[in-house]
Amino acid sequence: MTRINVDRKTFAARLREVVADEPKAFAYEIGVSLSALYNYLNGRIPNTTVLLRIALHTGRPMEWFLGVDQVSGTLYPGWPNWATGAAPCVAHRATGARAPV
């Protein structure tokens, strides 16, 4: 399995983008304390459960928050580019490779 190095600055910037000016409401809606949300806004990466709640609440994929779209051309060629909204590639079907989960 390939290990992905998550850029904490990218995560924090993208989270700030979706939190906007309502951190207290956002924290309440995803079920975390305000101090935990501020930790995330300062670059701490939440556990998978919290990250999934953030993704579901915002309608953005977890991978987008983690900056995976920045490596889609090398590690995961079949993944869509979340930042541009590009359609997913179906190369994994042609090659028999497993689709990303």
C-alpha atoms as a PDB file:
ATOM      1  CA  MET A   1       0.000   0.000   0.000  1.00  0.00           C
ATOM      2  CA  THR A   2       1.266   3.433  -0.912  1.00  0.00           C
ATOM      3  CA  ARG A   3       1.543   5.905   1.933  1.00  0.00           C
ATOM      4  CA  ILE A   4       0.249   9.395   1.214  1.00  0.00           C
ATOM      5  CA  ASN A   5       1.892  12.347   2.891  1.00  0.00           C
ATOM      6  CA  VAL A   6      -0.883  14.733   3.824  1.00  0.00           C
ATOM      7  CA  ASP A   7      -0.053  18.403   3.622  1.00  0.00           C
ATOM      8  CA  ARG A   8      -1.426  19.928   6.833  1.00  0.00           C
ATOM      9  CA  LYS A   9      -1.516  23.396   5.271  1.00  0.00           C
ATOM     10  CA  THR A  10      -3.659  22.140   2.398  1.00  0.00           C
ATOM     11  CA  PHE A  11      -6.019  20.412   4.808  1.00  0.00           C
ATOM     12  CA  ALA A  12      -6.348  23.522   6.994  1.00  0.00           C
ATOM     13  CA  ALA A  13      -6.891  25.814   3.988  1.00  0.00           C
ATOM     14  CA  ARG A  14      -9.583  23.602   2.516  1.00  0.00           C
ATOM     15  CA  LEU A  15     -11.319  23.223   5.856  1.00  0.00           C
ATOM     16  CA  ARG A  16     -11.255  27.010   6.321  1.00  0.00           C
ATOM     17  CA  GLU A  17     -12.840  27.333   2.888  1.00  0.00           C
ATOM     18  CA  VAL A  18     -15.881  25.263   3.901  1.00  0.00           C
ATOM     19  CA  VAL A  19     -16.157  26.494   7.500  1.00  0.00           C
ATOM     20  CA  ALA A  20     -16.174  30.129   6.357  1.00  0.00           C
ATOM     21  CA  ASP A  21     -17.380  32.473   9.105  1.00  0.00           C
ATOM     22  CA  GLU A  22     -19.408  29.951  11.111  1.00  0.00           C
ATOM     23  CA  PRO A  23     -16.953  27.808  13.127  1.00  0.00           C
ATOM     24  CA  LYS A  24     -19.255  27.382  16.132  1.00  0.00           C
ATOM     25  CA  ALA A  25     -22.178  26.173  14.012  1.00  0.00           C
ATOM     26  CA  PHE A  26     -19.908  23.980  11.884  1.00  0.00           C
ATOM     27  CA  ALA A  27     -18.388  22.329  14.974  1.00  0.00           C
ATOM     28  CA  TYR A  28     -21.843  21.641  16.372  1.00  0.00           C
ATOM     29  CA  GLU A  29     -23.119  20.231  13.067  1.00  0.00           C
ATOM     30  CA  ILE A  30     -20.240  17.747  12.704  1.00  0.00           C
ATOM     31  CA  GLY A  31     -20.280  16.823  16.398  1.00  0.00           C
ATOM     32  CA  VAL A  32     -16.930  18.132  17.625  1.00  0.00           C
ATOM     33  CA  SER A  33     -15.980  20.734  20.184  1.00  0.00           C
ATOM     34  CA  LEU A  34     -15.082  24.217  19.037  1.00  0.00           C
ATOM     35  CA  SER A  35     -11.541  23.739  20.340  1.00  0.00           C
ATOM     36  CA  ALA A  36     -11.186  20.538  18.283  1.00  0.00           C
ATOM     37  CA  LEU A  37     -12.351  22.401  15.182  1.00  0.00           C
ATOM     38  CA  TYR A  38      -9.798  25.151  15.824  1.00  0.00           C
ATOM     39  CA  ASN A  39      -7.107  22.459  16.089  1.00  0.00           C
ATOM     40  CA  TYR A  40      -8.185  21.162  12.677  1.00  0.00           C
ATOM     41  CA  LEU A  41      -8.217  24.697  11.265  1.00  0.00           C
ATOM     42  CA  ASN A  42      -4.613  25.022  12.463  1.00  0.00           C
ATOM     43  CA  GLY A  43      -3.507  21.879  10.621  1.00  0.00           C
ATOM     44  CA  ARG A  44      -4.240  18.944  12.897  1.00  0.00           C
ATOM     45  CA  ILE A  45      -5.647  16.078  10.842  1.00  0.00           C
ATOM     46  CA  PRO A  46      -8.804  14.590  12.406  1.00  0.00           C
ATOM     47  CA  ASN A  47      -9.405  10.886  12.768  1.00  0.00           C
ATOM     48  CA  THR A  48     -11.207   9.069   9.981  1.00  0.00           C
ATOM     49  CA  THR A  49     -14.636   9.263  11.632  1.00  0.00           C
ATOM     50  CA  VAL A  50     -14.481  13.039  12.017  1.00  0.00           C
ATOM     51  CA  LEU A  51     -13.050  13.443   8.529  1.00  0.00           C
ATOM     52  CA  LEU A  52     -15.955  11.404   7.143  1.00  0.00           C
ATOM     53  CA  ARG A  53     -18.467  13.597   9.029  1.00  0.00           C
ATOM     54  CA  ILE A  54     -16.801  16.713   7.589  1.00  0.00           C
ATOM     55  CA  ALA A  55     -16.946  15.248   4.090  1.00  0.00           C
ATOM     56  CA  LEU A  56     -20.583  14.202   4.380  1.00  0.00           C
ATOM     57  CA  HIS A  57     -21.601  17.547   5.844  1.00  0.00           C
ATOM     58  CA  THR A  58     -19.840  19.596   3.165  1.00  0.00           C
ATOM     59  CA  GLY A  59     -20.490  17.352   0.175  1.00  0.00           C
ATOM     60  CA  ARG A  60     -16.761  17.218  -0.585  1.00  0.00           C
ATOM     61  CA  PRO A  61     -14.800  13.956  -0.712  1.00  0.00           C
ATOM     62  CA  MET A  62     -12.399  13.173   2.133  1.00  0.00           C
ATOM     63  CA  GLU A  63      -9.622  12.954  -0.444  1.00  0.00           C
ATOM     64  CA  TRP A  64     -10.145  16.582  -1.404  1.00  0.00           C
ATOM     65  CA  PHE A  65      -9.518  17.718   2.150  1.00  0.00           C
ATOM     66  CA  LEU A  66      -6.371  15.589   2.304  1.00  0.00           C
ATOM     67  CA  GLY A  67      -5.010  16.947  -0.960  1.00  0.00           C
ATOM     68  CA  VAL A  68      -5.114  13.616  -2.786  1.00  0.00           C
ATOM     69  CA  ASP A  69      -6.130  15.403  -5.992  1.00  0.00           C
ATOM     70  CA  GLN A  70      -2.596  16.819  -6.048  1.00  0.00           C
ATOM     71  CA  VAL A  71      -1.172  13.334  -6.615  1.00  0.00           C
ATOM     72  CA  SER A  72      -3.951  11.868  -8.773  1.00  0.00           C
ATOM     73  CA  GLY A  73      -1.708  11.673 -11.807  1.00  0.00           C
ATOM     74  CA  THR A  74       0.883   9.515 -10.085  1.00  0.00           C
ATOM     75  CA  LEU A  75      -0.512   7.444  -7.218  1.00  0.00           C
ATOM     76  CA  TYR A  76      -4.138   7.135  -8.253  1.00  0.00           C
ATOM     77  CA  PRO A  77      -4.515   7.710 -11.988  1.00  0.00           C
ATOM     78  CA  GLY A  78      -8.197   6.692 -12.012  1.00  0.00           C
ATOM     79  CA  TRP A  79      -9.287   9.251  -9.439  1.00  0.00           C
ATOM     80  CA  PRO A  80     -11.069  12.421 -10.493  1.00  0.00           C
ATOM     81  CA  ASN A  81      -9.545  15.797  -9.872  1.00  0.00           C
ATOM     82  CA  TRP A  82     -11.841  17.115  -7.126  1.00  0.00           C
ATOM     83  CA  ALA A  83     -10.524  20.648  -7.409  1.00  0.00           C
ATOM     84  CA  THR A  84     -11.565  21.051 -11.031  1.00  0.00           C
ATOM     85  CA  GLY A  85     -14.577  18.760 -11.045  1.00  0.00           C
ATOM     86  CA  ALA A  86     -13.082  16.636 -13.825  1.00  0.00           C
ATOM     87  CA  ALA A  87     -14.896  13.399 -14.543  1.00  0.00           C
ATOM     88  CA  PRO A  88     -13.345  10.196 -13.200  1.00  0.00           C
ATOM     89  CA  CYS A  89     -11.212   8.119 -15.487  1.00  0.00           C
ATOM     90  CA  VAL A  90     -12.336   4.556 -16.172  1.00  0.00           C
ATOM     91  CA  ALA A  91      -8.807   3.259 -16.763  1.00  0.00           C
ATOM     92  CA  HIS A  92      -9.058   0.948 -13.762  1.00  0.00           C
ATOM     93  CA  ARG A  93     -11.814  -0.989 -15.573  1.00  0.00           C
ATOM     94  CA  ALA A  94      -9.705  -1.472 -18.673  1.00  0.00           C
ATOM     95  CA  THR A  95      -6.626  -2.586 -16.745  1.00  0.00           C
ATOM     96  CA  GLY A  96      -8.441  -4.719 -14.191  1.00  0.00           C
ATOM     97  CA  ALA A  97      -7.012  -2.654 -11.336  1.00  0.00           C
ATOM     98  CA  ARG A  98      -9.130  -2.148  -8.244  1.00  0.00           C
ATOM     99  CA  ALA A  99     -11.123   1.048  -8.127  1.00  0.00           C
ATOM    100  CA  PRO A 100     -10.245   3.365  -5.243  1.00  0.00           C
ATOM    101  CA  VAL A 101     -12.496   3.020  -2.229  1.00  0.00           C
END
